[in-house]
Amino acid sequence: MNDNAFYECKYFLEQRMQELPDNAELVKAYIVLIEQKTKFDIAYFSQTSEIQKNWNDNQAKMNAAWHESQAKVATKQIEVGGRLINSGI
């Protein structure tokens, strides 16, 4: 449930509970709404953190591979007696 829908439902139930304070069904519906929103948020943020972790891991691997390839290029250039490209030397 997105935040907009949640807050609209929450507001609606709060208004009805003020109008009909003896209506136990409204309180039950309110509790269910809060429980469902909590479950949704936990699932959403768990997924989001897993995606972020995967992205971070992939970035680290790409950076390591890039640095390794640059080191190989520099080593090869030194071996053949050439200058290092983009090194300022």
C-alpha atoms as a PDB file:
ATOM      1  CA  MET A   1       0.000   0.000   0.000  1.00  0.00           C
ATOM      2  CA  ASN A   2       1.464   3.317  -0.991  1.00  0.00           C
ATOM      3  CA  ASP A   3       1.641   6.138   1.519  1.00  0.00           C
ATOM      4  CA  ASN A   4      -1.109   8.207  -0.120  1.00  0.00           C
ATOM      5  CA  ALA A   5      -3.677   5.417   0.005  1.00  0.00           C
ATOM      6  CA  PHE A   6      -2.687   4.561   3.567  1.00  0.00           C
ATOM      7  CA  TYR A   7      -3.069   8.121   4.836  1.00  0.00           C
ATOM      8  CA  GLU A   8      -6.406   8.569   3.058  1.00  0.00           C
ATOM      9  CA  CYS A   9      -7.762   5.368   4.620  1.00  0.00           C
ATOM     10  CA  LYS A  10      -6.301   6.259   8.003  1.00  0.00           C
ATOM     11  CA  TYR A  11      -7.846   9.735   7.880  1.00  0.00           C
ATOM     12  CA  PHE A  12     -11.223   8.321   6.834  1.00  0.00           C
ATOM     13  CA  LEU A  13     -11.248   5.800   9.680  1.00  0.00           C
ATOM     14  CA  GLU A  14     -10.146   8.391  12.230  1.00  0.00           C
ATOM     15  CA  GLN A  15     -12.966  10.696  11.164  1.00  0.00           C
ATOM     16  CA  ARG A  16     -15.548   7.892  11.404  1.00  0.00           C
ATOM     17  CA  MET A  17     -14.214   6.842  14.829  1.00  0.00           C
ATOM     18  CA  GLN A  18     -14.693  10.400  16.087  1.00  0.00           C
ATOM     19  CA  GLU A  19     -18.237  10.446  14.742  1.00  0.00           C
ATOM     20  CA  LEU A  20     -19.066   6.939  16.026  1.00  0.00           C
ATOM     21  CA  PRO A  21     -16.846   6.288  19.078  1.00  0.00           C
ATOM     22  CA  ASP A  22     -18.836   3.187  20.109  1.00  0.00           C
ATOM     23  CA  ASN A  23     -18.324   1.392  16.793  1.00  0.00           C
ATOM     24  CA  ALA A  24     -15.854  -1.412  17.545  1.00  0.00           C
ATOM     25  CA  GLU A  25     -15.694  -2.448  13.877  1.00  0.00           C
ATOM     26  CA  LEU A  26     -14.061   0.851  12.968  1.00  0.00           C
ATOM     27  CA  VAL A  27     -11.373   0.297  15.601  1.00  0.00           C
ATOM     28  CA  LYS A  28     -10.770  -3.232  14.267  1.00  0.00           C
ATOM     29  CA  ALA A  29     -10.487  -1.891  10.719  1.00  0.00           C
ATOM     30  CA  TYR A  30      -8.055   0.781  11.915  1.00  0.00           C
ATOM     31  CA  ILE A  31      -5.874  -1.822  13.618  1.00  0.00           C
ATOM     32  CA  VAL A  32      -5.885  -4.033  10.511  1.00  0.00           C
ATOM     33  CA  LEU A  33      -4.939  -1.026   8.373  1.00  0.00           C
ATOM     34  CA  ILE A  34      -1.936  -0.243  10.604  1.00  0.00           C
ATOM     35  CA  GLU A  35      -0.870  -3.918  10.654  1.00  0.00           C
ATOM     36  CA  GLN A  36      -1.081  -4.232   6.873  1.00  0.00           C
ATOM     37  CA  LYS A  37       0.855  -1.006   6.304  1.00  0.00           C
ATOM     38  CA  THR A  38       3.536  -2.210   8.709  1.00  0.00           C
ATOM     39  CA  LYS A  39       3.860  -5.545   6.869  1.00  0.00           C
ATOM     40  CA  PHE A  40       4.055  -3.742   3.542  1.00  0.00           C
ATOM     41  CA  ASP A  41       6.723  -1.317   4.754  1.00  0.00           C
ATOM     42  CA  ILE A  42       8.844  -4.097   6.250  1.00  0.00           C
ATOM     43  CA  ALA A  43       8.687  -6.083   3.003  1.00  0.00           C
ATOM     44  CA  TYR A  44       9.383  -2.997   0.892  1.00  0.00           C
ATOM     45  CA  PHE A  45      12.350  -1.783   2.906  1.00  0.00           C
ATOM     46  CA  SER A  46      13.798  -5.299   3.187  1.00  0.00           C
ATOM     47  CA  GLN A  47      13.701  -5.585  -0.592  1.00  0.00           C
ATOM     48  CA  THR A  48      15.133  -2.109  -1.040  1.00  0.00           C
ATOM     49  CA  SER A  49      18.055  -2.801   1.271  1.00  0.00           C
ATOM     50  CA  GLU A  50      18.788  -6.084  -0.562  1.00  0.00           C
ATOM     51  CA  ILE A  51      18.794  -4.261  -3.901  1.00  0.00           C
ATOM     52  CA  GLN A  52      21.121  -1.596  -2.479  1.00  0.00           C
ATOM     53  CA  LYS A  53      23.463  -4.284  -1.119  1.00  0.00           C
ATOM     54  CA  ASN A  54      23.569  -6.017  -4.513  1.00  0.00           C
ATOM     55  CA  TRP A  55      24.264  -2.714  -6.253  1.00  0.00           C
ATOM     56  CA  ASN A  56      27.076  -1.908  -3.814  1.00  0.00           C
ATOM     57  CA  ASP A  57      28.602  -5.365  -4.304  1.00  0.00           C
ATOM     58  CA  ASN A  58      28.456  -4.968  -8.085  1.00  0.00           C
ATOM     59  CA  GLN A  59      30.077  -1.533  -7.901  1.00  0.00           C
ATOM     60  CA  ALA A  60      32.895  -2.901  -5.761  1.00  0.00           C
ATOM     61  CA  LYS A  61      33.493  -5.748  -8.227  1.00  0.00           C
ATOM     62  CA  MET A  62      33.481  -3.371 -11.205  1.00  0.00           C
ATOM     63  CA  ASN A  63      35.938  -1.024  -9.480  1.00  0.00           C
ATOM     64  CA  ALA A  64      38.242  -3.913  -8.579  1.00  0.00           C
ATOM     65  CA  ALA A  65      38.158  -5.199 -12.165  1.00  0.00           C
ATOM     66  CA  TRP A  66      38.851  -1.725 -13.552  1.00  0.00           C
ATOM     67  CA  HIS A  67      41.821  -1.174 -11.228  1.00  0.00           C
ATOM     68  CA  GLU A  68      43.174  -4.617 -12.063  1.00  0.00           C
ATOM     69  CA  SER A  69      42.963  -3.947 -15.801  1.00  0.00           C
ATOM     70  CA  GLN A  70      44.634  -0.551 -15.363  1.00  0.00           C
ATOM     71  CA  ALA A  71      47.435  -2.170 -13.386  1.00  0.00           C
ATOM     72  CA  LYS A  72      47.949  -4.730 -16.165  1.00  0.00           C
ATOM     73  CA  VAL A  73      48.093  -1.983 -18.784  1.00  0.00           C
ATOM     74  CA  ALA A  74      50.620  -0.001 -16.734  1.00  0.00           C
ATOM     75  CA  THR A  75      52.732  -3.099 -16.134  1.00  0.00           C
ATOM     76  CA  LYS A  76      52.754  -3.945 -19.851  1.00  0.00           C
ATOM     77  CA  GLN A  77      53.718  -0.381 -20.763  1.00  0.00           C
ATOM     78  CA  ILE A  78      56.597  -0.449 -18.286  1.00  0.00           C
ATOM     79  CA  GLU A  79      57.743  -3.838 -19.602  1.00  0.00           C
ATOM     80  CA  VAL A  80      57.969  -2.553 -23.183  1.00  0.00           C
ATOM     81  CA  GLY A  81      59.670   0.646 -22.069  1.00  0.00           C
ATOM     82  CA  GLY A  82      56.850   2.991 -22.917  1.00  0.00           C
ATOM     83  CA  ARG A  83      55.423   5.869 -20.985  1.00  0.00           C
ATOM     84  CA  LEU A  84      52.385   5.434 -18.827  1.00  0.00           C
ATOM     85  CA  ILE A  85      49.303   6.873 -20.470  1.00  0.00           C
ATOM     86  CA  ASN A  86      47.433   9.453 -18.401  1.00  0.00           C
ATOM     87  CA  SER A  87      49.844   9.110 -15.515  1.00  0.00           C
ATOM     88  CA  GLY A  88      51.520  12.506 -15.807  1.00  0.00           C
ATOM     89  CA  ILE A  89      54.949  10.835 -15.883  1.00  0.00           C
END
